[in-house]
Amino acid sequence: MAQQELDHLSGQTTTGHEWDGLKELNTPLPKWWLYVFYACIVWSFAYFIFYPSWPLVSDYTKGLWGPTMRSDSIAAYENGVKARVANAAGLADAPLEKIKSTPALLEFAMANGKAAFGDNCAPCHGSGATGGPGYPSLQDDDWIWGGKLADIYQTLQYGIRSGHAKARDSQMPNFGKDGVLKKEEVAAVSDYVVSLSDSSVKGTDAGKKLFADNCAACHGEDAKGNLELGAPNLADKIWLYGGGSAKVAAQVNEAKHGVMPAWEGRLDPITVKSLAVYVHSLGGGK
């Protein structure tokens, strides 16, 4: 058994423990550390008395003061709701245009709408609302169903192809897949559509005629779209599913149809209004 001995270099005694010739010094802990440690022990007993602490079978000891993170969180939430109701006074019944023209209402709607957008819309449209393939940008002036404040509000309420009875809906035929157009006809009409906004692509008279016979009824003779039908403008360079002859031909062959959820019932009316005002203010609203 190892014996304690005095270490002449440090002046400390050893603990008697030794590993491979290395001896452990019996260096005492600093007094300040010990005092803090003892104070923590004393405080732990006080904590057990005044605060919730010990778990029981189906509950826990409440303590003399009884605060908990849950009760504090509930109180903070309730205070936030009260503040929100006070700040939103008049917003629920105010027309959209009045909200835009009333600084106090607009300030609250913008703050509330921005927070709601980040939580509910950004996963698809992006945090900056610039969109992506299959998800339209909300910062430009290209709106499939209209970019006025009332149009945006309606789209938010009922969604696009969402299954809601009042949802906006449009269906583009699968011209190639269903045999309406042959493969070479799909290519011809696609080239013509792309040529309307890209001079490097040459459209043909055959493609122009195919467009007039099959597409103009929805997109218009000038291919600038129809908001009432949800038919997008094909004469600009803004493409929901990608531009270029190949991607346009893929859409003509077998159309993709995006879905946007109806937010009515999922978000409260004040939040839906706030979202409409916020989106309209991003720069693309008309």
Protein backbone atom coordinates (compact mmCIF):
# COMPACT_ATOMS: atom_id res chain seq x y z
CA MET A 1 0.00 0.00 0.00
CA ALA A 2 1.39 3.39 -0.98
CA GLN A 3 2.31 5.73 1.88
CA GLN A 4 1.80 9.47 2.11
CA GLU A 5 5.00 11.43 1.96
CA LEU A 6 6.21 14.99 1.59
CA ASP A 7 7.03 16.22 -1.91
CA HIS A 8 10.14 18.39 -1.50
CA LEU A 9 9.63 20.33 -4.77
CA SER A 10 6.12 21.57 -4.04
CA GLY A 11 6.08 21.35 -0.27
CA GLN A 12 2.79 19.40 -0.43
CA THR A 13 2.13 15.94 0.89
CA THR A 14 1.06 13.21 -1.49
CA THR A 15 -2.23 11.30 -1.29
CA GLY A 16 -0.47 7.97 -1.36
CA HIS A 17 -1.67 7.26 -4.92
CA GLU A 18 0.96 6.48 -7.51
CA TRP A 19 0.74 5.53 -11.22
CA ASP A 20 3.84 4.55 -13.18
CA GLY A 21 6.04 6.49 -10.82
CA LEU A 22 3.80 9.57 -10.85
CA LYS A 23 2.57 10.55 -7.39
CA GLU A 24 -0.61 12.54 -6.75
CA LEU A 25 -0.21 15.65 -4.62
CA ASN A 26 -2.76 16.33 -1.91
CA THR A 27 -3.32 19.96 -2.98
CA PRO A 28 -6.22 21.51 -1.07
CA LEU A 29 -9.03 23.23 -2.96
CA PRO A 30 -9.02 27.07 -2.93
CA LYS A 31 -11.00 28.44 -0.03
CA TRP A 32 -13.11 30.68 -2.26
CA TRP A 33 -14.17 27.61 -4.27
CA LEU A 34 -15.07 25.73 -1.11
CA TYR A 35 -17.11 28.66 0.21
CA VAL A 36 -19.05 28.89 -3.07
CA PHE A 37 -19.63 25.15 -3.01
CA TYR A 38 -20.94 25.28 0.56
CA ALA A 39 -23.16 28.23 -0.32
CA CYS A 40 -24.64 26.25 -3.21
CA ILE A 41 -25.46 23.39 -0.85
CA VAL A 42 -27.21 25.79 1.52
CA TRP A 43 -29.05 27.40 -1.40
CA SER A 44 -30.20 24.00 -2.70
CA PHE A 45 -32.10 23.37 0.52
CA ALA A 46 -33.68 26.81 0.31
CA TYR A 47 -34.59 26.11 -3.33
CA PHE A 48 -36.33 22.87 -2.34
CA ILE A 49 -38.48 24.87 0.09
CA PHE A 50 -39.36 27.92 -2.01
CA TYR A 51 -39.48 26.58 -5.61
CA PRO A 52 -41.04 23.54 -7.32
CA SER A 53 -38.42 20.84 -7.26
CA TRP A 54 -39.01 17.27 -6.09
CA PRO A 55 -40.86 14.92 -8.46
CA LEU A 56 -43.76 12.95 -7.03
CA VAL A 57 -45.75 10.02 -8.46
CA SER A 58 -48.03 12.13 -10.68
CA ASP A 59 -47.00 15.68 -9.83
CA TYR A 60 -44.19 17.62 -8.13
CA THR A 61 -43.68 19.72 -5.01
CA LYS A 62 -44.94 23.24 -5.64
CA GLY A 63 -42.74 25.16 -3.20
CA LEU A 64 -43.77 28.19 -1.15
CA TRP A 65 -43.43 30.60 -4.09
CA GLY A 66 -44.75 28.22 -6.73
CA PRO A 67 -43.44 29.69 -10.02
CA THR A 68 -42.78 27.32 -12.93
CA MET A 69 -41.54 27.76 -16.48
CA ARG A 70 -44.93 26.56 -17.68
CA SER A 71 -46.88 29.09 -15.66
CA ASP A 72 -44.48 31.85 -16.67
CA SER A 73 -44.82 30.87 -20.33
CA ILE A 74 -48.60 30.80 -20.12
CA ALA A 75 -48.63 34.22 -18.48
CA ALA A 76 -46.31 35.62 -21.15
CA TYR A 77 -48.50 34.14 -23.90
CA GLU A 78 -51.67 35.59 -22.39
CA ASN A 79 -50.03 39.00 -22.09
CA GLY A 80 -48.95 38.75 -25.72
CA VAL A 81 -52.49 37.89 -26.81
CA LYS A 82 -53.87 40.86 -24.90
CA ALA A 83 -51.30 43.17 -26.47
CA ARG A 84 -52.03 41.74 -29.93
CA VAL A 85 -55.78 42.25 -29.51
CA ALA A 86 -55.22 45.81 -28.38
CA ASN A 87 -52.88 46.56 -31.28
CA ALA A 88 -55.21 44.92 -33.80
CA ALA A 89 -58.26 46.85 -32.63
CA GLY A 90 -60.15 47.84 -35.74
CA LEU A 91 -58.09 45.67 -38.09
CA ALA A 92 -60.62 42.83 -38.19
CA ASP A 93 -63.45 45.04 -39.46
CA ALA A 94 -61.39 47.51 -41.49
CA PRO A 95 -61.49 47.20 -45.32
CA LEU A 96 -58.15 46.28 -46.89
CA GLU A 97 -57.70 49.68 -48.54
CA LYS A 98 -58.31 51.43 -45.21
CA ILE A 99 -55.63 49.32 -43.60
CA LYS A 100 -53.18 50.39 -46.30
CA SER A 101 -54.04 54.06 -45.83
CA THR A 102 -54.09 54.12 -42.01
CA PRO A 103 -50.53 54.29 -40.59
CA ALA A 104 -51.33 52.63 -37.25
CA LEU A 105 -53.21 49.74 -38.85
CA LEU A 106 -50.63 49.39 -41.61
CA GLU A 107 -47.74 49.23 -39.15
CA PHE A 108 -49.34 46.40 -37.20
CA ALA A 109 -50.47 44.54 -40.35
CA MET A 110 -46.96 44.69 -41.84
CA ALA A 111 -45.31 43.38 -38.66
CA ASN A 112 -47.93 40.67 -38.18
CA GLY A 113 -47.88 39.73 -41.87
CA LYS A 114 -44.09 39.48 -42.01
CA ALA A 115 -44.03 37.10 -39.06
CA ALA A 116 -46.85 34.99 -40.51
CA PHE A 117 -45.14 34.90 -43.91
CA GLY A 118 -41.94 33.55 -42.39
CA ASP A 119 -43.85 30.82 -40.55
CA ASN A 120 -46.27 29.76 -43.29
CA CYS A 121 -45.26 31.01 -46.75
CA ALA A 122 -41.46 31.18 -46.81
CA PRO A 123 -41.00 27.37 -47.06
CA CYS A 124 -42.43 27.56 -50.60
CA HIS A 125 -41.96 31.15 -51.76
CA GLY A 126 -38.62 31.70 -50.01
CA SER A 127 -37.78 34.02 -47.12
CA GLY A 128 -37.43 36.90 -49.59
CA ALA A 129 -40.61 35.93 -51.48
CA THR A 130 -38.61 35.47 -54.68
CA GLY A 131 -40.06 32.03 -55.36
CA GLY A 132 -38.48 29.19 -57.28
CA PRO A 133 -39.38 26.49 -59.82
CA GLY A 134 -43.08 25.79 -59.29
CA TYR A 135 -43.44 28.57 -56.71
CA PRO A 136 -44.11 32.06 -58.08
CA SER A 137 -42.16 35.12 -57.07
CA LEU A 138 -44.28 37.58 -55.10
CA GLN A 139 -42.00 40.51 -55.84
CA ASP A 140 -42.62 40.93 -59.56
CA ASP A 141 -45.68 42.14 -61.48
CA ASP A 142 -46.50 38.77 -63.02
CA TRP A 143 -49.67 37.52 -61.31
CA ILE A 144 -51.58 34.51 -62.57
CA TRP A 145 -54.76 35.40 -60.68
CA GLY A 146 -54.26 39.16 -60.28
CA GLY A 147 -52.03 41.23 -58.05
CA LYS A 148 -54.50 43.70 -56.61
CA LEU A 149 -54.93 43.71 -52.85
CA ALA A 150 -58.35 42.07 -53.07
CA ASP A 151 -57.03 39.42 -55.48
CA ILE A 152 -54.18 38.48 -53.15
CA TYR A 153 -56.54 38.36 -50.20
CA GLN A 154 -58.91 36.02 -52.05
CA THR A 155 -56.06 33.72 -53.06
CA LEU A 156 -54.80 33.59 -49.47
CA GLN A 157 -58.25 32.85 -48.12
CA TYR A 158 -59.22 30.00 -50.42
CA GLY A 159 -55.98 28.85 -52.04
CA ILE A 160 -55.22 27.43 -55.47
CA ARG A 161 -56.55 23.95 -56.29
CA SER A 162 -56.74 23.46 -52.52
CA GLY A 163 -60.03 21.58 -52.43
CA HIS A 164 -61.81 24.56 -50.88
CA ALA A 165 -65.20 25.26 -52.45
CA LYS A 166 -64.09 28.79 -53.35
CA ALA A 167 -60.52 27.94 -54.35
CA ARG A 168 -59.14 29.31 -57.60
CA ASP A 169 -58.68 26.55 -60.12
CA SER A 170 -57.44 26.13 -63.67
CA GLN A 171 -56.36 23.08 -65.62
CA MET A 172 -54.02 23.15 -68.59
CA PRO A 173 -54.55 20.17 -70.93
CA ASN A 174 -51.85 17.56 -71.43
CA PHE A 175 -51.55 18.28 -75.14
CA GLY A 176 -48.87 15.70 -75.83
CA LYS A 177 -49.69 12.99 -73.31
CA ASP A 178 -53.38 12.93 -74.25
CA GLY A 179 -52.64 12.92 -77.98
CA VAL A 180 -54.09 16.35 -78.75
CA LEU A 181 -50.81 17.35 -80.41
CA LYS A 182 -48.12 15.22 -81.98
CA LYS A 183 -44.54 15.35 -80.73
CA GLU A 184 -43.40 17.64 -83.54
CA GLU A 185 -46.41 19.89 -82.97
CA VAL A 186 -45.58 20.19 -79.27
CA ALA A 187 -42.04 21.24 -80.25
CA ALA A 188 -43.33 23.76 -82.82
CA VAL A 189 -45.81 25.48 -80.51
CA SER A 190 -43.24 25.52 -77.69
CA ASP A 191 -40.64 27.20 -79.90
CA TYR A 192 -43.22 29.78 -80.94
CA VAL A 193 -44.14 30.55 -77.33
CA VAL A 194 -40.49 30.93 -76.32
CA SER A 195 -39.79 33.14 -79.36
CA LEU A 196 -42.28 35.70 -78.03
CA SER A 197 -39.80 36.71 -75.35
CA ASP A 198 -36.50 35.29 -76.65
CA SER A 199 -35.34 36.50 -80.05
CA SER A 200 -32.68 33.80 -80.22
CA VAL A 201 -35.43 31.20 -80.72
CA LYS A 202 -37.19 31.27 -84.10
CA GLY A 203 -40.88 30.53 -84.12
CA THR A 204 -42.61 29.18 -87.20
CA ASP A 205 -45.94 29.94 -88.86
CA ALA A 206 -46.96 26.38 -88.05
CA GLY A 207 -46.25 26.99 -84.38
CA LYS A 208 -48.15 30.27 -84.48
CA LYS A 209 -51.19 28.53 -85.98
CA LEU A 210 -51.02 25.74 -83.41
CA PHE A 211 -50.95 28.37 -80.68
CA ALA A 212 -53.98 30.15 -82.15
CA ASP A 213 -55.91 26.90 -82.44
CA ASN A 214 -55.06 25.41 -79.05
CA CYS A 215 -53.71 28.04 -76.63
CA ALA A 216 -55.12 31.46 -77.53
CA ALA A 217 -58.53 30.68 -76.01
CA CYS A 218 -56.97 30.85 -72.53
CA HIS A 219 -53.72 32.79 -72.96
CA GLY A 220 -55.09 35.31 -75.47
CA GLU A 221 -54.13 35.93 -79.07
CA ASP A 222 -51.21 38.06 -77.89
CA ALA A 223 -50.23 35.36 -75.33
CA LYS A 224 -50.40 37.87 -72.49
CA GLY A 225 -52.64 35.68 -70.38
CA ASN A 226 -56.04 35.93 -68.76
CA LEU A 227 -56.32 36.61 -65.03
CA GLU A 228 -59.91 35.40 -64.87
CA LEU A 229 -58.85 31.96 -66.10
CA GLY A 230 -55.55 31.79 -64.27
CA ALA A 231 -53.73 31.62 -67.62
CA PRO A 232 -50.24 33.15 -67.25
CA ASN A 233 -48.59 35.66 -69.54
CA LEU A 234 -46.40 33.81 -72.04
CA ALA A 235 -44.98 36.89 -73.72
CA ASP A 236 -42.59 37.83 -70.93
CA LYS A 237 -39.53 36.02 -69.60
CA ILE A 238 -41.11 34.95 -66.34
CA TRP A 239 -41.64 31.19 -66.24
CA LEU A 240 -43.17 29.28 -63.34
CA TYR A 241 -41.70 25.92 -64.35
CA GLY A 242 -38.65 27.15 -66.21
CA GLY A 243 -38.06 28.80 -69.58
CA GLY A 244 -36.50 27.54 -72.77
CA SER A 245 -37.98 25.30 -75.45
CA ALA A 246 -37.34 22.03 -73.61
CA LYS A 247 -39.03 23.03 -70.35
CA VAL A 248 -41.92 24.75 -72.10
CA ALA A 249 -42.39 21.64 -74.27
CA ALA A 250 -42.44 19.49 -71.11
CA GLN A 251 -45.25 21.64 -69.72
CA VAL A 252 -47.18 21.51 -73.01
CA ASN A 253 -46.75 17.75 -73.17
CA GLU A 254 -47.85 17.08 -69.57
CA ALA A 255 -48.92 20.07 -67.55
CA LYS A 256 -47.88 20.63 -63.94
CA HIS A 257 -50.47 22.11 -61.62
CA GLY A 258 -49.30 23.66 -58.39
CA VAL A 259 -51.35 23.68 -55.19
CA MET A 260 -51.54 26.44 -52.61
CA PRO A 261 -53.39 25.74 -49.34
CA ALA A 262 -56.42 27.71 -48.24
CA TRP A 263 -55.43 29.71 -45.18
CA GLU A 264 -58.98 30.47 -44.09
CA GLY A 265 -59.58 28.40 -40.97
CA ARG A 266 -55.88 27.62 -40.58
CA LEU A 267 -54.97 31.21 -39.72
CA ASP A 268 -57.18 33.72 -37.95
CA PRO A 269 -58.85 36.45 -40.08
CA ILE A 270 -56.53 39.18 -38.78
CA THR A 271 -53.46 37.20 -39.81
CA VAL A 272 -54.86 36.47 -43.29
CA LYS A 273 -55.57 40.19 -43.78
CA SER A 274 -52.11 41.06 -42.52
CA LEU A 275 -50.55 38.58 -44.94
CA ALA A 276 -52.46 40.11 -47.86
CA VAL A 277 -51.24 43.59 -46.96
CA TYR A 278 -47.67 42.38 -46.45
CA VAL A 279 -47.49 40.46 -49.74
CA HIS A 280 -49.07 43.35 -51.62
CA SER A 281 -46.41 45.66 -50.20
CA LEU A 282 -43.46 43.51 -51.32
CA GLY A 283 -43.30 45.36 -54.63
CA GLY A 284 -45.26 43.20 -57.01
CA GLY A 285 -48.76 44.14 -55.92
CA LYS A 286 -50.77 46.18 -58.39
